[in-house]
Amino acid sequence: MIKNITARLYSDTPKETLYHYTTFTGLLGIVEHGVLWASDIRYMNDSAEMKHTVDLICEEATQRLAKGCENRALLSQFIDWVSNRIANGHMLFGASFRSNGNLLSQWRGYSSLGKGVSLGFNPSHILDCARKQSFELGKCLYDPAQQQVLIGQVVDAVENLAEEPENHPDPPQRHPSESYYGRFEKVESDLLRIAALLKHPSFREEEEWRVVSPVLTDYVSSPVLFREGTSMLVPYLEFKLSASSREPIDLEHLFLGPTSNIHQSMNSLTMFLSKQGIKPKEGISYCQIPYRQR
């Protein structure tokens, strides 16, 4: 049942250009290597969304306990398990795109002032890249009412686990307070993929789409790389935008972010892309947002 919930959540197909905001440094790396960095969801700028999903699940389960549900032991254990496991268990990686390539909040959040661009990609191209790498593309869900319905379905699916036998012929001996943990592990991957798309309503204007990796259970043998973050090392995977690093990335459009040097910046940006064999189909546009030195 929970796999059906996940499949529905990832069933939307984008029709509009998908934009990725980045700095000039990010642009140079993306063009040179033909990849985006898909960061571990727990280390992304808005990683509090994982806690948002956990809070929604715990609230729903707590309400059911207060109403005297039949599966009290299961739901009590699920609250404890999900509160710790979602943030500390298996790894999931994602890269973000926006339906709107010219949002002031995104220029402030994802680029340095005077040094930002948003790269516009044809959605069919991103979908094709995702499928070739076993990633999925999903539209983030912000509406509280829709989130509540979905979380209710998730907890329904978890309650149904009480009726399922342990498949392992000799299940590990667990403390009575963790007797259902083995069952919860069956839905961990789907819970992570769901959590990757549920975002707090305050982020609604972002209109975010996200490419999401398969769930990784063993980072040692997986192609996980690390980059320097603001205050820690951030695990990431490479999401390939072209067949090889020698093939130019396929851009639909590009926005130049707020800058005090519009003409010079537009000129050098055009020269750089041309030298790399990249000509955005819809050209390069200035964002038209006044530059303010802070």
Protein backbone atom coordinates (compact mmCIF):
# COMPACT_ATOMS: atom_id res chain seq x y z
CA MET A 1 0.00 0.00 0.00
CA ILE A 2 2.72 2.49 0.89
CA LYS A 3 4.44 1.88 -2.46
CA ASN A 4 1.24 3.00 -4.18
CA ILE A 5 1.29 6.21 -2.13
CA THR A 6 4.88 6.88 -3.17
CA ALA A 7 4.15 6.10 -6.83
CA ARG A 8 1.26 8.60 -6.87
CA LEU A 9 3.41 11.27 -5.24
CA TYR A 10 6.02 10.93 -8.01
CA SER A 11 3.50 10.64 -10.86
CA ASP A 12 3.34 14.34 -11.87
CA THR A 13 5.14 15.31 -15.07
CA PRO A 14 6.48 18.87 -15.43
CA LYS A 15 5.53 20.83 -18.54
CA GLU A 16 7.42 24.08 -17.84
CA THR A 17 11.14 24.85 -17.98
CA LEU A 18 12.90 23.68 -14.82
CA TYR A 19 15.45 26.09 -13.32
CA HIS A 20 18.43 25.35 -11.11
CA TYR A 21 19.83 28.32 -9.16
CA THR A 22 23.57 28.45 -8.59
CA THR A 23 26.62 30.71 -8.28
CA PHE A 24 29.17 31.45 -10.98
CA THR A 25 31.41 28.88 -9.32
CA GLY A 26 28.59 26.36 -9.54
CA LEU A 27 28.00 27.25 -13.19
CA LEU A 28 31.68 26.67 -14.04
CA GLY A 29 31.60 23.25 -12.38
CA ILE A 30 28.28 22.20 -13.96
CA VAL A 31 29.44 23.18 -17.45
CA GLU A 32 32.92 21.65 -17.05
CA HIS A 33 31.77 18.30 -15.67
CA GLY A 34 28.21 18.05 -16.98
CA VAL A 35 26.76 17.16 -13.58
CA LEU A 36 24.72 18.60 -10.73
CA TRP A 37 25.48 17.79 -7.13
CA ALA A 38 22.59 15.82 -5.62
CA SER A 39 23.10 16.35 -1.89
CA ASP A 40 22.06 14.06 0.92
CA ILE A 41 18.55 15.33 1.74
CA ARG A 42 19.50 15.68 5.41
CA TYR A 43 22.25 18.19 4.52
CA MET A 44 20.34 20.41 2.10
CA ASN A 45 19.69 24.10 2.85
CA ASP A 46 16.11 23.38 3.86
CA SER A 47 16.76 20.05 5.60
CA ALA A 48 14.21 20.98 8.27
CA GLU A 49 11.68 19.51 5.83
CA MET A 50 12.68 16.03 7.06
CA LYS A 51 11.67 17.08 10.56
CA HIS A 52 8.49 18.54 9.07
CA THR A 53 7.49 15.10 7.75
CA VAL A 54 8.40 13.40 11.02
CA ASP A 55 6.33 15.96 12.95
CA LEU A 56 3.32 15.32 10.69
CA ILE A 57 3.61 11.56 11.14
CA CYS A 58 4.01 11.78 14.91
CA GLU A 59 1.07 14.17 15.21
CA GLU A 60 -1.19 11.81 13.23
CA ALA A 61 -0.10 8.76 15.23
CA THR A 62 -0.50 10.62 18.54
CA GLN A 63 -4.04 11.67 17.61
CA ARG A 64 -4.93 8.06 16.86
CA LEU A 65 -3.51 6.93 20.18
CA ALA A 66 -5.58 9.59 21.96
CA LYS A 67 -8.71 8.24 20.27
CA GLY A 68 -8.03 4.72 21.59
CA CYS A 69 -6.89 2.94 18.43
CA GLU A 70 -6.37 -0.83 18.46
CA ASN A 71 -2.68 -0.82 17.51
CA ARG A 72 -1.40 1.14 20.46
CA ALA A 73 1.89 -0.73 20.84
CA LEU A 74 2.65 -0.47 17.13
CA LEU A 75 1.92 3.25 16.90
CA SER A 76 3.82 4.06 20.09
CA GLN A 77 6.86 2.23 18.73
CA PHE A 78 6.43 3.86 15.33
CA ILE A 79 6.59 7.34 16.88
CA ASP A 80 9.88 6.45 18.58
CA TRP A 81 11.30 4.73 15.49
CA VAL A 82 10.42 7.38 12.94
CA SER A 83 11.64 10.21 15.21
CA ASN A 84 15.15 8.79 15.13
CA ARG A 85 15.41 6.67 12.00
CA ILE A 86 14.35 9.10 9.28
CA ALA A 87 17.13 11.53 10.18
CA ASN A 88 19.78 8.92 10.96
CA GLY A 89 19.09 5.90 8.76
CA HIS A 90 19.48 5.18 5.06
CA MET A 91 20.72 7.86 2.67
CA LEU A 92 18.69 9.67 0.00
CA PHE A 93 20.04 12.33 -2.36
CA GLY A 94 18.31 15.10 -4.27
CA ALA A 95 18.88 18.06 -6.56
CA SER A 96 16.43 20.95 -6.73
CA PHE A 97 14.75 22.71 -9.64
CA ARG A 98 12.23 25.55 -9.66
CA SER A 99 9.32 26.27 -11.97
CA ASN A 100 10.15 29.97 -11.64
CA GLY A 101 13.67 30.92 -12.66
CA ASN A 102 13.51 34.49 -11.37
CA LEU A 103 12.57 34.63 -7.69
CA LEU A 104 14.26 37.14 -5.37
CA SER A 105 14.12 34.68 -2.46
CA GLN A 106 16.02 32.13 -4.53
CA TRP A 107 18.64 34.62 -5.68
CA ARG A 108 19.22 35.44 -2.01
CA GLY A 109 19.23 31.83 -0.88
CA TYR A 110 21.14 30.03 -3.60
CA SER A 111 23.58 32.51 -5.13
CA SER A 112 26.07 35.17 -4.10
CA LEU A 113 24.91 38.74 -4.76
CA GLY A 114 26.10 39.76 -8.20
CA LYS A 115 27.27 36.23 -9.00
CA GLY A 116 24.15 34.17 -9.59
CA VAL A 117 22.46 32.41 -12.49
CA SER A 118 19.48 30.11 -12.87
CA LEU A 119 19.90 27.43 -15.50
CA GLY A 120 16.74 26.48 -17.38
CA PHE A 121 16.35 22.90 -18.61
CA ASN A 122 13.72 21.26 -20.79
CA PRO A 123 11.70 19.05 -18.39
CA SER A 124 11.81 16.13 -20.82
CA HIS A 125 15.60 16.27 -20.75
CA ILE A 126 15.70 16.18 -16.94
CA LEU A 127 13.22 13.29 -16.89
CA ASP A 128 15.35 11.38 -19.39
CA CYS A 129 18.51 12.00 -17.34
CA ALA A 130 16.71 10.85 -14.19
CA ARG A 131 15.46 7.61 -15.71
CA LYS A 132 18.89 6.70 -17.06
CA GLN A 133 20.33 7.05 -13.53
CA SER A 134 17.43 5.40 -11.65
CA PHE A 135 16.46 8.75 -10.11
CA GLU A 136 12.86 9.91 -9.89
CA LEU A 137 11.47 13.38 -10.50
CA GLY A 138 8.81 14.58 -8.10
CA LYS A 139 6.88 17.78 -7.45
CA CYS A 140 7.13 19.02 -3.87
CA LEU A 141 3.88 19.14 -1.92
CA TYR A 142 3.17 22.24 0.20
CA ASP A 143 -0.59 22.26 0.82
CA PRO A 144 -1.33 21.38 4.49
CA ALA A 145 -4.66 19.69 3.71
CA GLN A 146 -3.10 17.48 1.03
CA GLN A 147 -0.19 16.66 3.32
CA GLN A 148 -2.59 15.66 6.10
CA VAL A 149 -4.49 13.30 3.79
CA LEU A 150 -1.26 11.74 2.53
CA ILE A 151 0.17 11.29 6.03
CA GLY A 152 -3.10 9.67 7.12
CA GLN A 153 -2.68 7.15 4.31
CA VAL A 154 0.91 6.53 5.37
CA VAL A 155 -0.10 5.80 8.97
CA ASP A 156 -2.91 3.55 7.68
CA ALA A 157 -0.29 1.56 5.78
CA VAL A 158 1.89 1.33 8.89
CA GLU A 159 -1.05 0.10 10.98
CA ASN A 160 -1.61 -2.65 8.42
CA LEU A 161 1.89 -3.91 9.21
CA ALA A 162 0.53 -5.25 12.51
CA GLU A 163 -1.21 -8.00 10.57
CA GLU A 164 1.85 -9.00 8.54
CA PRO A 165 4.14 -11.80 9.76
CA GLU A 166 7.89 -11.39 9.98
CA ASN A 167 9.33 -12.78 6.73
CA HIS A 168 12.74 -13.56 8.19
CA PRO A 169 12.87 -17.24 9.26
CA ASP A 170 14.75 -16.33 12.41
CA PRO A 171 14.02 -12.64 13.19
CA PRO A 172 16.49 -10.91 15.52
CA GLN A 173 15.57 -10.84 19.17
CA ARG A 174 14.46 -7.33 20.08
CA HIS A 175 13.50 -5.63 23.28
CA PRO A 176 9.68 -5.66 23.71
CA SER A 177 9.65 -1.88 23.22
CA GLU A 178 11.09 -2.47 19.71
CA SER A 179 9.14 -5.56 18.71
CA TYR A 180 7.70 -3.89 15.55
CA TYR A 181 10.94 -2.30 14.35
CA GLY A 182 11.55 -5.09 11.84
CA ARG A 183 8.23 -4.31 10.19
CA PHE A 184 8.95 -0.58 10.08
CA GLU A 185 12.19 -1.26 8.21
CA LYS A 186 10.10 -2.62 5.32
CA VAL A 187 8.68 0.85 4.66
CA GLU A 188 11.77 2.92 5.45
CA SER A 189 12.74 3.55 1.81
CA ASP A 190 9.26 4.72 0.88
CA LEU A 191 9.05 6.96 3.94
CA LEU A 192 12.30 8.65 2.93
CA ARG A 193 11.12 9.21 -0.63
CA ILE A 194 7.86 10.67 0.66
CA ALA A 195 9.69 12.92 3.13
CA ALA A 196 11.86 14.24 0.29
CA LEU A 197 8.82 15.89 -1.32
CA LEU A 198 6.86 17.18 1.68
CA LYS A 199 7.83 20.76 2.44
CA HIS A 200 6.62 23.34 4.90
CA PRO A 201 3.90 25.61 3.42
CA SER A 202 6.11 28.68 3.97
CA PHE A 203 8.25 27.51 1.02
CA ARG A 204 5.26 27.39 -1.33
CA GLU A 205 6.45 30.13 -3.72
CA GLU A 206 9.47 28.01 -4.69
CA GLU A 207 7.34 25.63 -6.80
CA GLU A 208 10.11 23.09 -6.40
CA TRP A 209 10.65 19.92 -8.37
CA ARG A 210 13.28 17.51 -7.11
CA VAL A 211 15.24 14.67 -8.68
CA VAL A 212 15.59 12.00 -6.01
CA SER A 213 18.10 9.14 -5.98
CA PRO A 214 17.50 5.52 -5.07
CA VAL A 215 17.81 4.92 -1.33
CA LEU A 216 21.37 3.93 -0.41
CA THR A 217 22.00 1.58 2.48
CA ASP A 218 25.79 1.30 2.15
CA TYR A 219 27.66 4.53 1.53
CA VAL A 220 31.07 2.82 1.56
CA SER A 221 30.46 0.83 -1.63
CA SER A 222 28.30 3.50 -3.27
CA PRO A 223 29.58 6.45 -5.39
CA VAL A 224 29.08 8.93 -2.55
CA LEU A 225 31.36 11.98 -2.70
CA PHE A 226 31.89 14.82 -0.21
CA ARG A 227 32.09 18.59 -0.59
CA GLU A 228 32.71 21.42 1.81
CA GLY A 229 29.52 22.93 3.20
CA THR A 230 29.00 26.02 5.33
CA SER A 231 29.96 24.26 8.55
CA MET A 232 30.49 20.57 7.68
CA LEU A 233 31.27 18.08 4.94
CA VAL A 234 28.21 17.36 2.80
CA PRO A 235 27.70 13.94 1.13
CA TYR A 236 26.52 14.06 -2.47
CA LEU A 237 26.06 12.08 -5.67
CA GLU A 238 26.70 13.31 -9.18
CA PHE A 239 23.55 13.71 -11.29
CA LYS A 240 24.67 13.59 -14.91
CA LEU A 241 23.19 16.15 -17.31
CA SER A 242 24.89 14.79 -20.43
CA ALA A 243 26.18 11.46 -21.71
CA SER A 244 29.79 12.46 -21.00
CA SER A 245 31.78 15.37 -19.63
CA ARG A 246 32.89 16.14 -23.21
CA GLU A 247 29.30 16.71 -24.36
CA PRO A 248 27.88 20.23 -23.75
CA ILE A 249 24.92 20.42 -21.41
CA ASP A 250 21.59 21.14 -23.07
CA LEU A 251 20.20 24.46 -21.80
CA GLU A 252 16.75 25.79 -22.63
CA HIS A 253 17.21 29.24 -21.05
CA LEU A 254 19.37 31.11 -18.56
CA PHE A 255 18.69 33.99 -16.17
CA LEU A 256 21.49 36.22 -14.89
CA GLY A 257 20.83 37.24 -11.31
CA PRO A 258 20.98 40.74 -9.77
CA THR A 259 24.27 42.51 -10.51
CA SER A 260 25.66 46.03 -10.71
CA ASN A 261 27.55 45.11 -13.91
CA ILE A 262 24.73 43.99 -16.16
CA HIS A 263 26.25 44.57 -19.60
CA GLN A 264 29.74 43.28 -18.80
CA SER A 265 28.35 40.25 -16.99
CA MET A 266 25.92 39.39 -19.78
CA ASN A 267 28.74 39.72 -22.30
CA SER A 268 31.21 37.49 -20.46
CA LEU A 269 28.47 34.94 -19.71
CA THR A 270 27.58 34.74 -23.40
CA MET A 271 31.23 34.34 -24.36
CA PHE A 272 31.77 31.61 -21.79
CA LEU A 273 28.78 29.55 -22.91
CA SER A 274 29.63 29.97 -26.59
CA LYS A 275 33.18 28.81 -25.99
CA GLN A 276 31.75 25.68 -24.35
CA GLY A 277 29.44 25.04 -27.30
CA ILE A 278 26.32 25.98 -25.32
CA LYS A 279 23.61 28.17 -26.83
CA PRO A 280 20.40 28.27 -24.74
CA LYS A 281 17.42 27.80 -27.06
CA GLU A 282 15.51 30.67 -25.42
CA GLY A 283 18.59 32.82 -24.91
CA ILE A 284 19.97 34.60 -21.84
CA SER A 285 17.85 37.07 -19.86
CA TYR A 286 18.68 39.54 -17.12
CA CYS A 287 16.46 39.13 -14.07
CA GLN A 288 15.47 42.85 -14.02
CA ILE A 289 15.66 42.86 -10.22
CA PRO A 290 17.44 45.99 -8.91
CA TYR A 291 20.86 45.27 -7.47
CA ARG A 292 21.33 46.36 -3.85
CA GLN A 293 24.70 46.17 -2.12
CA ARG A 294 24.32 44.76 1.40
